[in-house]
C-alpha atoms as a PDB file:
ATOM      1  CA  MET A   1     -24.731  -1.726   4.836  1.00  0.00           C
ATOM      2  CA  MET A   2     -21.004  -2.451   4.721  1.00  0.00           C
ATOM      3  CA  LYS A   3     -18.768   0.265   3.326  1.00  0.00           C
ATOM      4  CA  LYS A   4     -15.956  -1.177   1.207  1.00  0.00           C
ATOM      5  CA  VAL A   5     -12.540   0.468   1.292  1.00  0.00           C
ATOM      6  CA  LEU A   6      -9.524  -0.414  -0.853  1.00  0.00           C
ATOM      7  CA  ILE A   7      -6.017   0.608   0.152  1.00  0.00           C
ATOM      8  CA  VAL A   8      -3.445   0.508  -2.669  1.00  0.00           C
ATOM      9  CA  VAL A   9      -0.020   0.824  -1.046  1.00  0.00           C
ATOM     10  CA  ASP A  10       2.902   2.475  -2.857  1.00  0.00           C
ATOM     11  CA  MET A  11       2.406   1.070  -6.376  1.00  0.00           C
ATOM     12  CA  GLN A  12       5.013   3.555  -7.562  1.00  0.00           C
ATOM     13  CA  LYS A  13       7.521   3.201 -10.364  1.00  0.00           C
ATOM     14  CA  ASP A  14      10.559   3.154  -8.049  1.00  0.00           C
ATOM     15  CA  PHE A  15       9.196   0.061  -6.270  1.00  0.00           C
ATOM     16  CA  ILE A  16       8.221  -1.715  -9.490  1.00  0.00           C
ATOM     17  CA  ASP A  17      10.857  -1.078 -12.139  1.00  0.00           C
ATOM     18  CA  GLY A  18      12.910   1.743 -10.643  1.00  0.00           C
ATOM     19  CA  ALA A  19      15.470   2.208  -7.877  1.00  0.00           C
ATOM     20  CA  LEU A  20      14.021  -0.522  -5.620  1.00  0.00           C
ATOM     21  CA  GLY A  21      12.122  -2.532  -8.226  1.00  0.00           C
ATOM     22  CA  THR A  22      11.995  -6.326  -8.250  1.00  0.00           C
ATOM     23  CA  LYS A  23      10.761  -8.972 -10.652  1.00  0.00           C
ATOM     24  CA  GLU A  24       8.166  -9.945  -8.026  1.00  0.00           C
ATOM     25  CA  ALA A  25       6.816  -6.377  -7.912  1.00  0.00           C
ATOM     26  CA  LEU A  26       6.652  -6.230 -11.691  1.00  0.00           C
ATOM     27  CA  ALA A  27       4.800  -9.555 -11.720  1.00  0.00           C
ATOM     28  CA  ILE A  28       1.861  -8.265  -9.613  1.00  0.00           C
ATOM     29  CA  VAL A  29       1.130  -5.074 -11.564  1.00  0.00           C
ATOM     30  CA  GLU A  30      -1.470  -6.546 -13.955  1.00  0.00           C
ATOM     31  CA  LYS A  31      -3.324  -8.403 -11.183  1.00  0.00           C
ATOM     32  CA  ALA A  32      -3.315  -5.281  -8.973  1.00  0.00           C
ATOM     33  CA  ALA A  33      -4.600  -3.156 -11.849  1.00  0.00           C
ATOM     34  CA  ALA A  34      -7.403  -5.664 -12.482  1.00  0.00           C
ATOM     35  CA  GLU A  35      -8.394  -5.634  -8.805  1.00  0.00           C
ATOM     36  CA  ILE A  36      -8.573  -1.830  -8.840  1.00  0.00           C
ATOM     37  CA  ARG A  37     -10.772  -1.912 -11.948  1.00  0.00           C
ATOM     38  CA  ARG A  38     -13.205  -4.433 -10.425  1.00  0.00           C
ATOM     39  CA  PHE A  39     -13.414  -2.701  -7.024  1.00  0.00           C
ATOM     40  CA  GLU A  40     -16.574  -0.796  -6.153  1.00  0.00           C
ATOM     41  CA  GLY A  41     -16.092   1.435  -3.146  1.00  0.00           C
ATOM     42  CA  LYS A  42     -13.802   4.077  -1.695  1.00  0.00           C
ATOM     43  CA  ILE A  43     -10.160   3.838  -2.786  1.00  0.00           C
ATOM     44  CA  PHE A  44      -7.137   5.254  -0.981  1.00  0.00           C
ATOM     45  CA  VAL A  45      -3.742   5.232  -2.696  1.00  0.00           C
ATOM     46  CA  THR A  46      -0.636   5.735  -0.579  1.00  0.00           C
ATOM     47  CA  MET A  47       2.432   7.380  -2.068  1.00  0.00           C
ATOM     48  CA  ASP A  48       5.827   6.940  -0.446  1.00  0.00           C
ATOM     49  CA  THR A  49       7.063  10.529  -0.570  1.00  0.00           C
ATOM     50  CA  HIS A  50      10.588  11.677   0.158  1.00  0.00           C
ATOM     51  CA  ARG A  51      12.446  14.936  -0.338  1.00  0.00           C
ATOM     52  CA  SER A  52      15.849  15.626  -1.863  1.00  0.00           C
ATOM     53  CA  ASP A  53      17.459  15.317   1.599  1.00  0.00           C
ATOM     54  CA  TYR A  54      16.350  11.660   1.871  1.00  0.00           C
ATOM     55  CA  LEU A  55      19.881  10.325   2.484  1.00  0.00           C
ATOM     56  CA  LYS A  56      20.120  12.515   5.620  1.00  0.00           C
ATOM     57  CA  THR A  57      16.929  11.056   7.138  1.00  0.00           C
ATOM     58  CA  ALA A  58      16.821   8.134   9.576  1.00  0.00           C
ATOM     59  CA  GLU A  59      15.374   5.907   6.835  1.00  0.00           C
ATOM     60  CA  GLY A  60      17.925   7.103   4.282  1.00  0.00           C
ATOM     61  CA  LYS A  61      20.806   6.247   6.619  1.00  0.00           C
ATOM     62  CA  LYS A  62      19.570   2.647   6.905  1.00  0.00           C
ATOM     63  CA  LEU A  63      18.413   2.349   3.281  1.00  0.00           C
ATOM     64  CA  PRO A  64      20.805   4.562   1.306  1.00  0.00           C
ATOM     65  CA  VAL A  65      18.947   4.244  -1.998  1.00  0.00           C
ATOM     66  CA  PRO A  66      17.189   7.450  -3.036  1.00  0.00           C
ATOM     67  CA  HIS A  67      13.663   6.539  -4.102  1.00  0.00           C
ATOM     68  CA  CYS A  68      10.218   8.099  -4.443  1.00  0.00           C
ATOM     69  CA  ILE A  69      11.639  11.624  -4.333  1.00  0.00           C
ATOM     70  CA  GLU A  70       8.546  13.764  -4.839  1.00  0.00           C
ATOM     71  CA  GLY A  71       8.178  14.954  -8.423  1.00  0.00           C
ATOM     72  CA  THR A  72      10.713  12.536  -9.920  1.00  0.00           C
ATOM     73  CA  ASP A  73       9.605   9.906 -12.420  1.00  0.00           C
ATOM     74  CA  GLY A  74      10.027   7.107  -9.857  1.00  0.00           C
ATOM     75  CA  TRP A  75       7.667   8.828  -7.399  1.00  0.00           C
ATOM     76  CA  PHE A  76       4.656   8.538  -9.704  1.00  0.00           C
ATOM     77  CA  LEU A  77       2.292   5.576  -9.775  1.00  0.00           C
ATOM     78  CA  HIS A  78       3.033   2.925 -12.379  1.00  0.00           C
ATOM     79  CA  GLU A  79       1.213   3.629 -15.658  1.00  0.00           C
ATOM     80  CA  ARG A  80      -0.945   0.460 -15.449  1.00  0.00           C
ATOM     81  CA  ILE A  81      -2.092   1.460 -11.961  1.00  0.00           C
ATOM     82  CA  MET A  82      -2.902   5.000 -13.116  1.00  0.00           C
ATOM     83  CA  THR A  83      -4.904   3.620 -16.037  1.00  0.00           C
ATOM     84  CA  SER A  84      -6.894   1.347 -13.710  1.00  0.00           C
ATOM     85  CA  LEU A  85      -7.703   4.317 -11.447  1.00  0.00           C
ATOM     86  CA  SER A  86      -8.992   6.351 -14.387  1.00  0.00           C
ATOM     87  CA  GLY A  87     -12.623   7.243 -13.800  1.00  0.00           C
ATOM     88  CA  LYS A  88     -12.524   6.011 -10.187  1.00  0.00           C
ATOM     89  CA  GLU A  89     -12.873   8.245  -7.164  1.00  0.00           C
ATOM     90  CA  TYR A  90      -9.776   7.880  -5.018  1.00  0.00           C
ATOM     91  CA  THR A  91      -7.852   9.769  -2.375  1.00  0.00           C
ATOM     92  CA  GLU A  92      -4.077  10.029  -2.587  1.00  0.00           C
ATOM     93  CA  ILE A  93      -2.212   9.890   0.722  1.00  0.00           C
ATOM     94  CA  LYS A  94       1.397  11.077   0.670  1.00  0.00           C
ATOM     95  CA  LYS A  95       3.437   9.493   3.431  1.00  0.00           C
ATOM     96  CA  GLY A  96       7.003  10.182   4.478  1.00  0.00           C
ATOM     97  CA  THR A  97       7.473   6.895   6.301  1.00  0.00           C
ATOM     98  CA  PHE A  98       6.317   3.288   6.180  1.00  0.00           C
ATOM     99  CA  GLY A  99       2.886   3.619   7.787  1.00  0.00           C
ATOM    100  CA  SER A 100       0.425   6.502   7.614  1.00  0.00           C
ATOM    101  CA  VAL A 101      -1.559   7.714  10.611  1.00  0.00           C
ATOM    102  CA  HIS A 102      -3.181  10.191   8.199  1.00  0.00           C
ATOM    103  CA  LEU A 103      -4.594   7.251   6.211  1.00  0.00           C
ATOM    104  CA  ALA A 104      -6.431   5.988   9.291  1.00  0.00           C
ATOM    105  CA  GLU A 105      -7.749   9.488  10.018  1.00  0.00           C
ATOM    106  CA  GLU A 106      -9.084   9.796   6.457  1.00  0.00           C
ATOM    107  CA  ILE A 107     -10.776   6.403   6.645  1.00  0.00           C
ATOM    108  CA  ARG A 108     -12.335   7.204  10.033  1.00  0.00           C
ATOM    109  CA  GLY A 109     -14.160  10.100   8.396  1.00  0.00           C
ATOM    110  CA  ILE A 110     -16.130   7.987   5.909  1.00  0.00           C
ATOM    111  CA  CYS A 111     -18.184   5.628   8.087  1.00  0.00           C
ATOM    112  CA  ASN A 112     -18.612   3.695  11.313  1.00  0.00           C
ATOM    113  CA  PRO A 113     -15.582   1.345  11.506  1.00  0.00           C
ATOM    114  CA  LYS A 114     -17.852  -1.534  12.576  1.00  0.00           C
ATOM    115  CA  GLU A 115     -19.603  -1.200   9.198  1.00  0.00           C
ATOM    116  CA  MET A 116     -16.406  -1.266   7.162  1.00  0.00           C
ATOM    117  CA  GLU A 117     -14.510  -3.854   5.146  1.00  0.00           C
ATOM    118  CA  ILE A 118     -10.941  -2.901   4.259  1.00  0.00           C
ATOM    119  CA  GLU A 119      -9.034  -4.627   1.464  1.00  0.00           C
ATOM    120  CA  CYS A 120      -5.344  -3.867   1.047  1.00  0.00           C
ATOM    121  CA  PHE A 121      -2.509  -4.706  -1.320  1.00  0.00           C
ATOM    122  CA  GLY A 122       0.659  -3.204  -2.762  1.00  0.00           C
ATOM    123  CA  LEU A 123       4.356  -2.785  -2.122  1.00  0.00           C
ATOM    124  CA  CYS A 124       6.345  -3.737  -0.174  1.00  0.00           C
ATOM    125  CA  THR A 125       4.510  -6.437   1.798  1.00  0.00           C
ATOM    126  CA  ASP A 126       7.223  -6.613   4.436  1.00  0.00           C
ATOM    127  CA  ILE A 127       7.605  -2.865   5.015  1.00  0.00           C
ATOM    128  CA  CYS A 128       4.801  -0.520   3.980  1.00  0.00           C
ATOM    129  CA  VAL A 129       1.909  -2.962   3.550  1.00  0.00           C
ATOM    130  CA  VAL A 130       2.406  -4.590   6.956  1.00  0.00           C
ATOM    131  CA  SER A 131       2.970  -1.188   8.610  1.00  0.00           C
ATOM    132  CA  ASN A 132      -0.247   0.286   7.226  1.00  0.00           C
ATOM    133  CA  VAL A 133      -2.337  -2.826   7.823  1.00  0.00           C
ATOM    134  CA  LEU A 134      -1.275  -3.072  11.479  1.00  0.00           C
ATOM    135  CA  LEU A 135      -1.947   0.654  11.980  1.00  0.00           C
ATOM    136  CA  LEU A 136      -5.418   0.155  10.490  1.00  0.00           C
ATOM    137  CA  LYS A 137      -6.027  -2.858  12.746  1.00  0.00           C
ATOM    138  CA  ALA A 138      -5.060  -0.745  15.773  1.00  0.00           C
ATOM    139  CA  HIS A 139      -7.380   2.076  14.696  1.00  0.00           C
ATOM    140  CA  PHE A 140     -10.267  -0.180  13.603  1.00  0.00           C
ATOM    141  CA  PRO A 141     -10.103  -3.397  15.658  1.00  0.00           C
ATOM    142  CA  GLU A 142     -13.651  -4.448  14.692  1.00  0.00           C
ATOM    143  CA  ALA A 143     -13.301  -3.846  10.951  1.00  0.00           C
ATOM    144  CA  LYS A 144     -12.793  -6.782   8.619  1.00  0.00           C
ATOM    145  CA  ILE A 145      -9.334  -6.294   7.078  1.00  0.00           C
ATOM    146  CA  THR A 146      -8.147  -8.418   4.173  1.00  0.00           C
ATOM    147  CA  VAL A 147      -4.797  -8.461   2.376  1.00  0.00           C
ATOM    148  CA  ARG A 148      -4.608  -9.784  -1.195  1.00  0.00           C
ATOM    149  CA  ALA A 149      -1.314 -11.696  -1.157  1.00  0.00           C
ATOM    150  CA  ASP A 150      -1.371 -12.148  -4.945  1.00  0.00           C
ATOM    151  CA  CYS A 151      -1.306  -8.355  -5.370  1.00  0.00           C
ATOM    152  CA  CYS A 152       1.618  -7.830  -2.973  1.00  0.00           C
ATOM    153  CA  ALA A 153       5.347  -8.278  -3.289  1.00  0.00           C
ATOM    154  CA  GLY A 154       8.057  -7.907  -0.677  1.00  0.00           C
ATOM    155  CA  VAL A 155      11.700  -7.019  -0.757  1.00  0.00           C
ATOM    156  CA  THR A 156      12.314 -10.772  -1.100  1.00  0.00           C
ATOM    157  CA  PRO A 157       9.894 -13.707  -1.464  1.00  0.00           C
ATOM    158  CA  GLU A 158      10.919 -14.867   2.029  1.00  0.00           C
ATOM    159  CA  THR A 159      10.205 -11.551   3.748  1.00  0.00           C
ATOM    160  CA  HIS A 160       6.933 -11.270   1.787  1.00  0.00           C
ATOM    161  CA  GLU A 161       5.824 -14.622   3.268  1.00  0.00           C
ATOM    162  CA  ALA A 162       7.005 -13.626   6.757  1.00  0.00           C
ATOM    163  CA  ALA A 163       4.960 -10.401   6.600  1.00  0.00           C
ATOM    164  CA  LEU A 164       1.870 -12.312   5.476  1.00  0.00           C
ATOM    165  CA  LYS A 165       2.300 -14.684   8.441  1.00  0.00           C
ATOM    166  CA  THR A 166       2.716 -11.731  10.808  1.00  0.00           C
ATOM    167  CA  MET A 167      -0.478 -10.105   9.555  1.00  0.00           C
ATOM    168  CA  GLU A 168      -2.338 -13.417   9.749  1.00  0.00           C
ATOM    169  CA  MET A 169      -1.224 -13.779  13.395  1.00  0.00           C
ATOM    170  CA  CYS A 170      -2.698 -10.314  14.018  1.00  0.00           C
ATOM    171  CA  GLN A 171      -6.112 -11.490  12.746  1.00  0.00           C
ATOM    172  CA  ILE A 172      -5.845 -10.048   9.251  1.00  0.00           C
ATOM    173  CA  ASP A 173      -7.465 -12.223   6.563  1.00  0.00           C
ATOM    174  CA  ILE A 174      -4.983 -13.208   3.866  1.00  0.00           C
ATOM    175  CA  VAL A 175      -6.458 -14.179   0.466  1.00  0.00           C
ATOM    176  CA  GLY A 176      -5.157 -14.763  -3.041  1.00  0.00           C
END
């Protein structure tokens, strides 16, 4: 029997209507919330997590916009996403960079990867979604991995599309 896994990537306030928010990110919130509500299976939610010294980090030097500083309002999941997770069993994965090796380790512990279907969506398609999806593909090459394009948004519409193409070239199924 296939084990279904949903990965919700960085649906945090700072990426939706905060420091790095975009109209495209705001536009996917309701659809993403609906997909979480309909999903039956194991859910993992990644949380971009930085500290107060963010601007001194390698990422902060290239992207000098403080965001997702742990404990600040912008670090928390968007309210609509939190509401959709209510009553669901999910595991929160804090990550200090784009992709999370810890996420793959957590998933490995739940079942045989050949008996797993992974669905993924979130923010930003062109940074954290693509990073996590390609890490998962490397860890679980035989698992069916799907990205819901209609529940993702990138830094720009153009880089969103480029990331979807990249994932498709790496044998990730793109739907929506």
